Protein backbone atom coordinates (compact mmCIF):
# COMPACT_ATOMS: atom_id res chain seq x y z
CA UNK A 1 0.41 -0.09 -0.06
CA UNK A 2 1.73 3.22 -0.80
CA UNK A 3 1.18 5.54 2.66
CA UNK A 4 1.74 8.66 1.23
CA UNK A 5 -1.73 8.73 -0.47
CA UNK A 6 -3.29 8.17 2.95
CA UNK A 7 -3.16 11.82 3.61
CA UNK A 8 -4.81 12.99 0.40
CA UNK A 9 -7.79 10.71 0.79
CA UNK A 10 -8.15 11.95 4.51
CA UNK A 11 -8.50 15.07 3.22
CA UNK A 12 -10.73 14.28 0.39
CA UNK A 13 -12.79 12.56 2.64
CA UNK A 14 -13.41 15.17 5.26
CA UNK A 15 -14.70 17.50 2.28
CA UNK A 16 -17.27 15.80 0.67
CA UNK A 17 -19.68 16.56 3.92
CA UNK A 18 -19.23 20.37 3.07
CA UNK A 19 -19.55 19.99 -0.57
CA UNK A 20 -22.64 17.94 -0.61
CA UNK A 21 -24.42 20.32 2.19
CA UNK A 22 -26.59 22.64 0.32
CA UNK A 23 -26.83 26.49 1.64
CA UNK A 24 -30.55 27.21 3.68
CA UNK A 25 -33.28 28.85 1.69
CA UNK A 26 -33.26 32.64 2.36
CA UNK A 27 -36.44 32.92 4.89
CA UNK A 28 -38.10 35.70 2.08
CA UNK A 29 -37.79 32.96 -0.73
CA UNK A 30 -39.48 30.15 1.27
CA UNK A 31 -42.12 32.31 2.22
CA UNK A 32 -42.71 33.54 -1.19
CA UNK A 33 -42.32 29.50 -2.68
CA UNK A 34 -44.53 28.71 0.22
CA UNK A 35 -47.18 31.18 -0.47
CA UNK A 36 -47.28 30.32 -4.33
CA UNK A 37 -48.21 26.82 -3.41
CA UNK A 38 -51.09 27.88 -1.26
CA UNK A 39 -52.45 30.26 -3.67
CA UNK A 40 -53.40 26.50 -5.75
CA UNK A 41 -52.40 27.60 -8.89
CA UNK A 42 -49.63 24.76 -10.06
CA UNK A 43 -48.27 26.85 -12.86
CA UNK A 44 -47.25 29.94 -10.57
CA UNK A 45 -46.22 27.46 -7.93
CA UNK A 46 -43.80 26.09 -10.50
CA UNK A 47 -42.34 29.31 -12.04
CA UNK A 48 -41.98 30.59 -8.48
CA UNK A 49 -39.89 27.55 -7.53
CA UNK A 50 -37.85 27.28 -11.03
CA UNK A 51 -36.84 30.92 -10.20
CA UNK A 52 -35.87 30.54 -6.96
CA UNK A 53 -33.45 27.58 -8.01
CA UNK A 54 -32.04 30.02 -10.78
CA UNK A 55 -31.24 33.20 -7.93
CA UNK A 56 -29.90 30.65 -5.41
CA UNK A 57 -28.18 27.58 -7.37
CA UNK A 58 -26.38 26.57 -3.53
CA UNK A 59 -30.00 26.16 -2.58
CA UNK A 60 -30.86 23.65 -5.20
CA UNK A 61 -30.95 20.71 -3.24
CA UNK A 62 -33.23 22.31 -0.22
CA UNK A 63 -35.70 24.12 -2.42
CA UNK A 64 -36.29 20.57 -3.86
CA UNK A 65 -36.93 19.16 -0.79
CA UNK A 66 -39.05 22.01 0.03
CA UNK A 67 -41.24 21.74 -2.93
CA UNK A 68 -41.50 17.93 -2.93
CA UNK A 69 -42.54 18.46 0.82
CA UNK A 70 -45.52 20.51 -0.24
CA UNK A 71 -46.26 18.53 -3.28
CA UNK A 72 -46.66 15.46 -1.00
CA UNK A 73 -48.83 17.36 1.86
CA UNK A 74 -51.21 18.72 -1.00
CA UNK A 75 -51.87 14.85 -2.43
CA UNK A 76 -52.51 14.19 1.32
CA UNK A 77 -55.22 16.58 1.68
CA UNK A 78 -56.38 15.75 -1.41
CA UNK A 79 -56.77 12.33 -0.70
CA UNK A 80 -58.22 12.83 2.39
CA UNK A 81 -60.72 15.79 0.73
CA UNK A 82 -62.02 12.94 -1.94
CA UNK A 83 -62.38 10.28 0.65
CA UNK A 84 -65.18 12.21 2.86
CA UNK A 85 -66.94 14.14 0.16
CA UNK A 86 -70.50 12.24 -0.42
CA UNK A 87 -71.38 11.75 -3.95
CA UNK A 88 -73.49 15.49 -4.09
CA UNK A 89 -70.66 16.90 -3.06
CA UNK A 90 -67.29 18.15 -5.44
CA UNK A 91 -69.44 18.63 -8.17
CA UNK A 92 -67.73 21.50 -10.68
CA UNK A 93 -68.86 22.24 -14.35
CA UNK A 94 -69.95 25.32 -16.76
CA UNK A 95 -72.54 26.56 -18.42
CA UNK A 96 -73.24 28.13 -22.15
CA UNK A 97 -76.04 30.34 -23.36
CA UNK A 98 -76.47 31.44 -27.02
CA UNK A 99 -79.25 33.25 -28.83
CA UNK A 100 -79.77 35.31 -31.67
CA UNK A 101 -82.16 37.08 -34.30
CA UNK A 102 -82.07 38.04 -37.72
CA UNK A 103 -84.95 40.06 -39.40
CA UNK A 104 -85.35 41.54 -42.99
CA UNK A 105 -85.07 38.98 -46.57
CA UNK A 106 -84.08 36.20 -43.46
CA UNK A 107 -85.82 36.01 -40.87
CA UNK A 108 -84.51 33.36 -38.28
CA UNK A 109 -84.35 32.73 -34.20
CA UNK A 110 -81.92 30.50 -32.48
CA UNK A 111 -81.29 29.36 -29.19
CA UNK A 112 -78.25 27.13 -27.76
CA UNK A 113 -78.07 26.35 -24.66
CA UNK A 114 -75.27 23.71 -22.71
CA UNK A 115 -74.12 22.26 -19.14
CA UNK A 116 -71.27 20.35 -18.57
CA UNK A 117 -70.57 18.86 -14.85
CA UNK A 118 -68.06 16.65 -13.59
CA UNK A 119 -66.85 15.32 -10.10
CA UNK A 120 -63.65 13.68 -9.06
CA UNK A 121 -63.48 10.99 -6.60
CA UNK A 122 -60.76 9.21 -5.33
CA UNK A 123 -61.48 6.27 -8.01
CA UNK A 124 -64.63 7.48 -9.63
CA UNK A 125 -64.86 10.08 -11.99
CA UNK A 126 -68.50 11.41 -13.09
CA UNK A 127 -69.72 12.97 -15.68
CA UNK A 128 -72.94 14.93 -17.12
CA UNK A 129 -73.77 16.91 -20.30
CA UNK A 130 -76.72 18.27 -21.52
CA UNK A 131 -77.35 21.06 -24.67
CA UNK A 132 -80.30 22.08 -26.86
CA UNK A 133 -79.72 23.67 -29.85
CA UNK A 134 -83.08 25.34 -31.72
CA UNK A 135 -83.50 27.51 -34.73
CA UNK A 136 -86.58 28.56 -36.44
CA UNK A 137 -86.51 30.54 -39.88
CA UNK A 138 -89.77 32.34 -40.85
CA UNK A 139 -91.51 31.13 -37.88
CA UNK A 140 -91.01 27.31 -38.74
CA UNK A 141 -88.79 24.67 -36.71
CA UNK A 142 -85.58 24.25 -38.69
CA UNK A 143 -83.25 22.78 -36.18
CA UNK A 144 -84.14 20.83 -32.93
CA UNK A 145 -81.30 18.67 -31.31
CA UNK A 146 -81.84 18.07 -27.33
CA UNK A 147 -79.09 16.01 -25.83
CA UNK A 148 -77.97 14.46 -22.52
CA UNK A 149 -75.46 12.33 -21.23
CA UNK A 150 -74.10 10.72 -18.16
CA UNK A 151 -70.80 8.42 -17.82
CA UNK A 152 -68.62 7.14 -14.71
CA UNK A 153 -65.49 5.92 -14.98
CA UNK A 154 -63.74 4.08 -12.22
CA UNK A 155 -60.00 4.22 -12.26
CA UNK A 156 -57.74 0.73 -11.64
CA UNK A 157 -54.36 2.06 -12.02
CA UNK A 158 -52.67 5.50 -13.00
CA UNK A 159 -53.48 5.03 -16.61
CA UNK A 160 -56.22 2.77 -16.84
CA UNK A 161 -59.60 3.03 -16.15
CA UNK A 162 -63.33 0.95 -17.25
CA UNK A 163 -66.46 3.31 -18.09
CA UNK A 164 -69.73 3.36 -18.57
CA UNK A 165 -72.32 6.11 -20.80
CA UNK A 166 -75.66 6.72 -20.42
CA UNK A 167 -77.01 8.77 -23.66
CA UNK A 168 -80.83 10.07 -24.95
CA UNK A 169 -81.15 12.15 -28.14
CA UNK A 170 -84.36 13.72 -29.54
CA UNK A 171 -83.08 15.01 -33.42
CA UNK A 172 -86.35 15.28 -35.72
CA UNK A 173 -84.28 16.50 -38.51
CA UNK A 174 -81.87 14.23 -38.78
CA UNK A 175 -84.82 10.99 -38.90
CA UNK A 176 -85.62 10.00 -35.42
CA UNK A 177 -87.67 11.00 -32.41
CA UNK A 178 -85.61 9.53 -29.68
CA UNK A 179 -82.34 7.36 -29.23
CA UNK A 180 -81.10 5.78 -26.31
CA UNK A 181 -77.51 4.40 -25.97
CA UNK A 182 -75.77 2.23 -23.54
CA UNK A 183 -72.53 1.65 -23.50
CA UNK A 184 -69.26 -0.31 -21.38
CA UNK A 185 -65.64 -0.31 -22.04
CA UNK A 186 -62.04 0.10 -21.01
CA UNK A 187 -60.13 3.61 -21.00
CA UNK A 188 -56.48 4.54 -21.25
CA UNK A 189 -54.62 7.87 -20.48
CA UNK A 190 -52.37 8.39 -23.16
CA UNK A 191 -50.99 11.18 -21.48
CA UNK A 192 -51.47 12.85 -18.24
CA UNK A 193 -49.36 16.02 -17.10
CA UNK A 194 -50.30 19.29 -15.49
CA UNK A 195 -51.12 21.09 -18.47
CA UNK A 196 -52.38 18.35 -21.02
CA UNK A 197 -54.23 15.30 -20.80
CA UNK A 198 -55.14 12.78 -23.23
CA UNK A 199 -57.35 9.59 -22.92
CA UNK A 200 -59.16 6.87 -25.53
CA UNK A 201 -61.97 4.51 -24.96
CA UNK A 202 -63.67 1.48 -26.79
CA UNK A 203 -65.99 -0.95 -25.83
CA UNK A 204 -69.69 -2.56 -27.13
CA UNK A 205 -72.72 -0.08 -27.14
CA UNK A 206 -76.51 -1.14 -27.41
CA UNK A 207 -78.85 1.51 -29.43
CA UNK A 208 -83.10 2.12 -29.15
CA UNK A 209 -84.04 4.24 -31.92
CA UNK A 210 -87.26 5.51 -32.50
CA UNK A 211 -87.52 6.80 -36.29
CA UNK A 212 -90.11 9.38 -37.79
CA UNK A 213 -91.05 6.97 -40.58
CA UNK A 214 -89.57 3.33 -40.39
CA UNK A 215 -90.35 2.45 -36.75
CA UNK A 216 -88.21 1.64 -33.96
CA UNK A 217 -85.18 -0.31 -34.09
CA UNK A 218 -82.94 -1.93 -31.80
CA UNK A 219 -79.00 -2.40 -32.51
CA UNK A 220 -75.72 -3.51 -31.34
CA UNK A 221 -72.45 -0.51 -32.24
CA UNK A 222 -69.03 -0.24 -31.55
CA UNK A 223 -68.10 3.10 -29.33
CA UNK A 224 -65.02 4.75 -29.68
CA UNK A 225 -64.22 8.07 -28.23
CA UNK A 226 -61.22 10.33 -27.75
CA UNK A 227 -60.90 13.03 -24.84
CA UNK A 228 -58.44 15.79 -25.05
CA UNK A 229 -57.56 18.85 -22.73
CA UNK A 230 -54.97 21.12 -23.60
CA UNK A 231 -54.17 24.40 -20.44
CA UNK A 232 -52.78 26.72 -22.87
CA UNK A 233 -52.61 29.72 -19.94
CA UNK A 234 -53.41 29.47 -15.98
CA UNK A 235 -56.70 30.67 -17.20
CA UNK A 236 -57.44 29.59 -20.87
CA UNK A 237 -58.40 25.67 -21.61
CA UNK A 238 -58.68 23.71 -24.82
CA UNK A 239 -61.34 21.51 -24.88
CA UNK A 240 -61.71 18.49 -27.43
CA UNK A 241 -64.36 15.22 -26.92
CA UNK A 242 -65.20 13.13 -29.75
CA UNK A 243 -66.89 10.01 -29.94
CA UNK A 244 -68.17 6.98 -32.65
CA UNK A 245 -70.49 4.60 -32.39
CA UNK A 246 -70.84 2.44 -35.54
CA UNK A 247 -73.44 -0.16 -36.37
CA UNK A 248 -74.61 -1.57 -39.85
CA UNK A 249 -77.40 0.88 -40.57
CA UNK A 250 -76.78 4.00 -38.84
CA UNK A 251 -73.40 5.57 -37.95
CA UNK A 252 -72.83 8.46 -35.26
CA UNK A 253 -70.07 10.61 -35.26
CA UNK A 254 -70.21 13.20 -32.27
CA UNK A 255 -67.16 16.05 -32.28
CA UNK A 256 -66.74 19.37 -29.46
CA UNK A 257 -64.12 21.55 -29.18
CA UNK A 258 -64.46 24.64 -27.23
CA UNK A 259 -61.76 27.28 -25.91
CA UNK A 260 -62.87 28.00 -22.09
CA UNK A 261 -61.55 31.18 -19.96
CA UNK A 262 -62.09 31.15 -16.59
């Protein structure tokens, strides 16, 4: 053994704790990070923590620990809240109202109403939507679609879920007085992030349709759906939902795109 190396090794080992030790976070910076985390805006929280890391690089380790502890505490509080809430609690949503009227050579009246509600649970997610699209031209109804559906998803992993959906539609201008649809299937989250989510669903479906001129029909169909949302800015979100019911006689494709500002 080369005994001359021992003093050098001893000096290196003694210096390791000093090199690994991070500077404490300045009190005002720590308070700023905690305040941003309590506000509930994840974008502001990430931006504040990122700015602190750049400004105080020697405190990065302590900043990362603080952020991790705050995220863990937030996740725990959310879990407890979801466990305690009842079915009628925790619903969130939005509504829309649109109306128009024209006179002169063309006389028409239009009305559009919509509501979308959703509830997130620990494992269950529920969603309800209803829309009305009505138009009258020269005193006669030229458009009338009334639609509502209710969907429940049960997550059995971080990305996989089973789903069930019930829907009703009245659209005489599409050739039927009423249509009921029921579907079950599997879903998968392709993208999961704080700003973007994308999921796909697929499964069999049953449909009962009362046509205006061709009587009633019960049929087996296949259903596929895509759900996408993108948080462009803190208060600006783009959503897209599309579904396809494929059957031998009468397939249906529906797509809804919305840009929401809160």
